[in-house]
Amino acid sequence: MNCINAVILDWAGTTVDFGSFAPTQIFVEAFRRAFDVEITLAEARVPMGLGKWQHIEALGKLPTVDARWQAKFGHSMTSEDIDAIYATFMPLQIAKVVDFSAPIAGVVDTIAALRADNIKIGSCSGYPRAVMEKLVPAAAEHGYAPDHWVATDDLAAGGRPGPWMALQNVITLGVDNVAHCVKVDDAAPGITEGLNAGMWSVGLALSGNEFGATWEEFQAMTAEEIATRREHAAGKLYAAGAHYVVDSLADLPGVIADINARLAKGERP
């Protein structure tokens, strides 16, 4: 049928971990422990969505971080430095990720509604397999279990913003047409991943990395502050090429209904 029959979902900030705090906090801690270099949470969020080694590499290239690094060591970050930070990051992330495994509000019900419409649930992440092997069963205990998942280091071709993790889901799930898939993500590299895979790309402006607030912080915000931060987050996701931007995964069924109407008229991503 000429309609959406699969969604490919990101993890942190999309289905679990409101605000995407598990990886960002650990990056800050890993830089501190490995080299006694301070980075901010805001800096840690900038490359979100990339594989974690590539994320550290991108952090080292941020002008503010590079200036601090050069002031301390007299040179820019090297591959060996990235390896050292990654080696510090990994055990910290593996130990902590289960603390951020609860599904975001509305996710479990939304997944049930999608499955009732015979939509397959794929997923992929910027987390490496060692982290995903802890996160996936923990999330399942909370009621979220996709039909398939792919980690950023599973494929020789690499991770985001390339299309390979999303396309591996297509192959494994037996999806007939990439135009019948929706890629959902809260960060720009994941939006680009969907576009590169030929899919409809949907950004989440409120639950994830670009909004960057905990559930408790969000609950305490004024309507004006929420609107300002939502607009900022949506702007980044639209700039990355998102076809749609909504607040959270709970809004996805309405988006899919609109896409199905467009597919029926012959439109494609």
Protein backbone atom coordinates (compact mmCIF):
# COMPACT_ATOMS: atom_id res chain seq x y z
CA MET A 1 0.00 0.00 0.00
CA ASN A 2 1.13 3.55 -0.71
CA CYS A 3 1.36 4.66 2.93
CA ILE A 4 3.79 4.80 5.82
CA ASN A 5 4.57 1.31 7.06
CA ALA A 6 7.66 1.88 9.20
CA VAL A 7 9.14 4.50 11.50
CA ILE A 8 12.84 4.65 12.40
CA LEU A 9 13.27 6.25 15.81
CA ASP A 10 16.26 7.74 17.57
CA TRP A 11 16.72 6.91 21.25
CA ALA A 12 17.95 9.61 23.69
CA GLY A 13 15.68 12.66 23.47
CA THR A 14 13.26 10.90 21.12
CA THR A 15 11.94 7.78 22.85
CA VAL A 16 13.81 7.82 26.20
CA ASP A 17 15.75 10.36 28.28
CA PHE A 18 13.73 13.59 28.02
CA GLY A 19 16.18 16.39 27.19
CA SER A 20 18.92 13.94 26.13
CA PHE A 21 20.99 14.23 29.30
CA ALA A 22 22.64 10.81 29.55
CA PRO A 23 25.26 11.45 26.83
CA THR A 24 25.79 15.18 27.38
CA GLN A 25 26.55 14.93 31.09
CA ILE A 26 28.98 12.07 30.49
CA PHE A 27 30.90 14.05 27.86
CA VAL A 28 31.46 16.81 30.42
CA GLU A 29 32.66 14.26 32.98
CA ALA A 30 34.90 12.42 30.49
CA PHE A 31 36.75 15.59 29.45
CA ARG A 32 37.25 16.46 33.11
CA ARG A 33 38.49 13.04 34.16
CA ALA A 34 40.72 12.35 31.16
CA PHE A 35 42.44 15.72 30.78
CA ASP A 36 41.08 18.07 33.47
CA VAL A 37 39.49 20.20 30.75
CA GLU A 38 36.09 21.78 31.41
CA ILE A 39 33.39 21.86 28.75
CA THR A 40 29.85 23.09 29.22
CA LEU A 41 26.61 21.18 28.72
CA ALA A 42 25.77 23.61 25.91
CA GLU A 43 29.04 22.75 24.15
CA ALA A 44 28.48 19.04 24.72
CA ARG A 45 25.11 19.31 22.94
CA VAL A 46 26.39 20.91 19.72
CA PRO A 47 27.42 17.71 17.84
CA MET A 48 24.64 15.54 19.33
CA GLY A 49 23.48 12.72 17.09
CA LEU A 50 26.93 11.73 15.83
CA GLY A 51 28.68 8.56 16.92
CA LYS A 52 30.40 9.17 20.24
CA TRP A 53 34.03 9.09 18.98
CA GLN A 54 33.03 11.50 16.20
CA HIS A 55 31.15 13.58 18.77
CA ILE A 56 34.31 14.00 20.86
CA GLU A 57 36.26 14.87 17.72
CA ALA A 58 33.68 17.54 16.82
CA LEU A 59 33.77 18.94 20.36
CA GLY A 60 37.54 19.36 20.07
CA LYS A 61 37.03 21.44 16.92
CA LEU A 62 34.61 23.88 18.56
CA PRO A 63 36.49 27.21 18.74
CA THR A 64 35.81 27.64 22.47
CA VAL A 65 36.96 24.11 23.35
CA ASP A 66 39.94 24.26 20.99
CA ALA A 67 41.08 27.54 22.58
CA ARG A 68 40.95 25.99 26.06
CA TRP A 69 42.76 22.89 24.83
CA GLN A 70 45.51 24.87 23.15
CA ALA A 71 45.94 27.09 26.21
CA LYS A 72 46.46 23.99 28.35
CA PHE A 73 48.46 21.73 26.02
CA GLY A 74 49.87 23.98 23.31
CA HIS A 75 48.20 22.11 20.47
CA SER A 76 44.78 21.12 19.20
CA MET A 77 43.19 17.82 20.18
CA THR A 78 44.82 14.79 18.52
CA SER A 79 43.36 11.40 17.60
CA GLU A 80 45.20 9.95 20.59
CA ASP A 81 43.53 12.53 22.84
CA ILE A 82 40.13 11.58 21.40
CA ASP A 83 40.88 7.90 22.06
CA ALA A 84 41.73 8.70 25.68
CA ILE A 85 38.52 10.67 26.23
CA TYR A 86 36.48 7.96 24.50
CA ALA A 87 38.07 5.30 26.72
CA THR A 88 37.02 7.34 29.74
CA PHE A 89 33.57 8.06 28.31
CA MET A 90 32.56 4.48 27.55
CA PRO A 91 32.52 2.88 31.03
CA LEU A 92 30.88 5.99 32.47
CA GLN A 93 28.15 5.89 29.80
CA ILE A 94 27.58 2.15 30.15
CA ALA A 95 27.18 2.55 33.90
CA LYS A 96 24.84 5.55 33.70
CA VAL A 97 22.65 4.92 30.65
CA VAL A 98 20.18 2.70 32.51
CA ASP A 99 19.36 5.68 34.76
CA PHE A 100 17.98 7.44 31.66
CA SER A 101 16.07 4.50 30.16
CA ALA A 102 12.49 5.48 31.04
CA PRO A 103 10.33 6.28 27.99
CA ILE A 104 9.36 9.91 27.45
CA ALA A 105 5.72 10.72 28.25
CA GLY A 106 3.42 9.48 25.51
CA VAL A 107 5.95 7.14 23.87
CA VAL A 108 4.51 3.81 25.00
CA ASP A 109 0.96 4.73 23.98
CA THR A 110 2.15 6.15 20.65
CA ILE A 111 4.09 2.97 19.83
CA ALA A 112 0.99 0.91 20.61
CA ALA A 113 -1.12 3.11 18.30
CA LEU A 114 1.43 2.82 15.47
CA ARG A 115 1.55 -0.95 15.82
CA ALA A 116 -2.25 -1.06 15.75
CA ASP A 117 -1.93 0.54 12.30
CA ASN A 118 0.56 -2.19 11.26
CA ILE A 119 3.51 0.22 11.32
CA LYS A 120 6.87 -1.39 12.07
CA ILE A 121 9.11 0.20 14.71
CA GLY A 122 12.79 0.48 13.82
CA SER A 123 15.43 2.42 15.72
CA CYS A 124 19.04 3.55 15.66
CA SER A 125 21.33 5.56 17.91
CA GLY A 126 24.55 7.49 18.21
CA TYR A 127 25.35 5.14 21.10
CA PRO A 128 27.77 2.29 20.40
CA ARG A 129 26.60 -1.31 20.82
CA ALA A 130 28.12 -1.73 24.29
CA VAL A 131 25.87 1.08 25.55
CA MET A 132 22.81 -0.07 23.61
CA GLU A 133 23.11 -3.56 25.10
CA LYS A 134 22.46 -1.96 28.49
CA LEU A 135 19.85 0.58 27.35
CA VAL A 136 17.62 -1.69 25.25
CA PRO A 137 16.66 -4.20 27.97
CA ALA A 138 16.30 -1.41 30.54
CA ALA A 139 13.88 0.46 28.26
CA ALA A 140 11.98 -2.78 27.62
CA GLU A 141 11.41 -3.14 31.36
CA HIS A 142 9.77 0.30 31.24
CA GLY A 143 7.53 -0.76 28.33
CA TYR A 144 9.41 0.41 25.21
CA ALA A 145 10.84 -2.22 22.85
CA PRO A 146 11.24 -1.47 19.11
CA ASP A 147 11.16 -4.24 16.53
CA HIS A 148 14.80 -3.64 15.65
CA TRP A 149 17.72 -1.46 16.70
CA VAL A 150 21.09 -0.54 15.20
CA ALA A 151 24.06 0.95 17.07
CA THR A 152 26.41 3.52 15.59
CA ASP A 153 29.36 1.10 15.45
CA ASP A 154 27.42 -1.84 13.99
CA LEU A 155 28.07 -1.00 10.33
CA ALA A 156 31.41 -0.67 8.56
CA ALA A 157 30.08 2.26 6.53
CA GLY A 158 29.65 4.35 9.70
CA GLY A 159 26.90 6.26 11.46
CA ARG A 160 25.11 9.58 11.08
CA PRO A 161 24.66 11.73 9.12
CA GLY A 162 25.03 8.89 6.62
CA PRO A 163 21.94 6.80 5.79
CA TRP A 164 23.30 3.38 6.73
CA MET A 165 21.71 2.73 10.14
CA ALA A 166 18.30 3.81 8.88
CA LEU A 167 18.69 1.65 5.77
CA GLN A 168 19.77 -1.36 7.82
CA ASN A 169 16.41 -1.06 9.60
CA VAL A 170 14.68 -1.02 6.20
CA ILE A 171 16.46 -4.23 5.21
CA THR A 172 15.86 -6.06 8.48
CA LEU A 173 12.22 -5.02 8.79
CA GLY A 174 11.49 -5.81 5.14
CA VAL A 175 10.16 -2.37 4.26
CA ASP A 176 9.17 -2.14 0.59
CA ASN A 177 10.02 1.52 -0.11
CA VAL A 178 12.08 4.12 1.73
CA ALA A 179 9.39 6.70 0.87
CA HIS A 180 7.10 4.68 3.14
CA CYS A 181 9.41 5.30 6.11
CA VAL A 182 9.56 8.15 8.60
CA LYS A 183 12.83 8.93 10.41
CA VAL A 184 12.27 10.70 13.74
CA ASP A 185 15.06 12.47 15.63
CA ASP A 186 15.71 15.34 18.02
CA ALA A 187 19.10 16.39 16.57
CA ALA A 188 20.25 17.67 13.19
CA PRO A 189 22.50 14.71 12.19
CA GLY A 190 19.53 12.37 12.62
CA ILE A 191 17.37 14.56 10.41
CA THR A 192 20.07 14.49 7.73
CA GLU A 193 20.33 10.73 8.16
CA GLY A 194 16.66 10.37 7.23
CA LEU A 195 16.99 12.66 4.23
CA ASN A 196 20.06 10.77 3.00
CA ALA A 197 18.08 7.54 3.32
CA GLY A 198 15.26 8.96 1.16
CA MET A 199 12.79 9.06 4.04
CA TRP A 200 10.42 11.62 5.49
CA SER A 201 12.31 13.29 8.35
CA VAL A 202 10.50 14.52 11.45
CA GLY A 203 12.18 16.60 14.15
CA LEU A 204 11.20 16.75 17.82
CA ALA A 205 11.54 20.27 19.19
CA LEU A 206 10.59 19.83 22.81
CA SER A 207 11.61 16.42 24.15
CA GLY A 208 15.20 16.37 23.00
CA ASN A 209 18.66 17.79 22.65
CA GLU A 210 17.87 21.12 21.00
CA PHE A 211 15.36 22.11 23.72
CA GLY A 212 17.79 20.77 26.31
CA ALA A 213 15.75 20.79 29.53
CA THR A 214 14.96 18.07 32.03
CA TRP A 215 11.32 17.04 32.44
CA GLU A 216 11.28 18.83 35.81
CA GLU A 217 12.74 22.01 34.32
CA PHE A 218 10.24 21.88 31.49
CA GLN A 219 7.32 21.48 33.89
CA ALA A 220 8.43 24.59 35.80
CA MET A 221 8.82 26.82 32.71
CA THR A 222 6.50 29.64 31.76
CA ALA A 223 4.59 29.40 28.49
CA GLU A 224 6.74 32.22 27.13
CA GLU A 225 10.00 30.45 27.92
CA ILE A 226 8.73 27.21 26.39
CA ALA A 227 7.69 29.05 23.22
CA THR A 228 11.09 30.75 22.90
CA ARG A 229 13.07 27.54 23.38
CA ARG A 230 10.70 25.58 21.11
CA GLU A 231 11.17 28.14 18.33
CA HIS A 232 14.96 27.95 18.68
CA ALA A 233 14.93 24.13 18.59
CA ALA A 234 12.50 23.95 15.67
CA GLY A 235 14.62 26.41 13.71
CA LYS A 236 17.67 24.16 13.99
CA LEU A 237 15.71 21.08 12.93
CA TYR A 238 14.05 22.81 9.98
CA ALA A 239 17.46 24.18 8.96
CA ALA A 240 18.71 20.58 8.85
CA GLY A 241 15.93 19.81 6.37
CA ALA A 242 13.13 18.34 8.51
CA HIS A 243 9.86 17.92 6.62
CA TYR A 244 7.96 18.37 9.88
CA VAL A 245 8.83 19.49 13.40
CA VAL A 246 6.55 18.62 16.33
CA ASP A 247 6.97 18.68 20.10
CA SER A 248 7.37 14.98 20.90
CA LEU A 249 6.74 11.48 19.63
CA ALA A 250 3.15 11.72 20.88
CA ASP A 251 2.48 14.04 17.91
CA LEU A 252 3.72 11.53 15.32
CA PRO A 253 0.40 9.83 14.42
CA GLY A 254 -0.98 13.15 13.17
CA VAL A 255 2.14 13.69 11.06
CA ILE A 256 1.85 10.22 9.58
CA ALA A 257 -1.79 10.89 8.64
CA ASP A 258 -0.68 14.01 6.78
CA ILE A 259 2.17 12.18 5.03
CA ASN A 260 -0.21 9.40 3.97
CA ALA A 261 -2.44 12.02 2.35
CA ARG A 262 0.57 13.42 0.50
CA LEU A 263 1.68 9.94 -0.61
CA ALA A 264 -1.82 9.31 -1.94
CA LYS A 265 -1.43 12.40 -4.12
CA GLY A 266 1.88 11.12 -5.50
CA GLU A 267 4.24 13.21 -3.33
CA ARG A 268 7.56 11.81 -2.14
CA PRO A 269 10.09 12.97 0.47
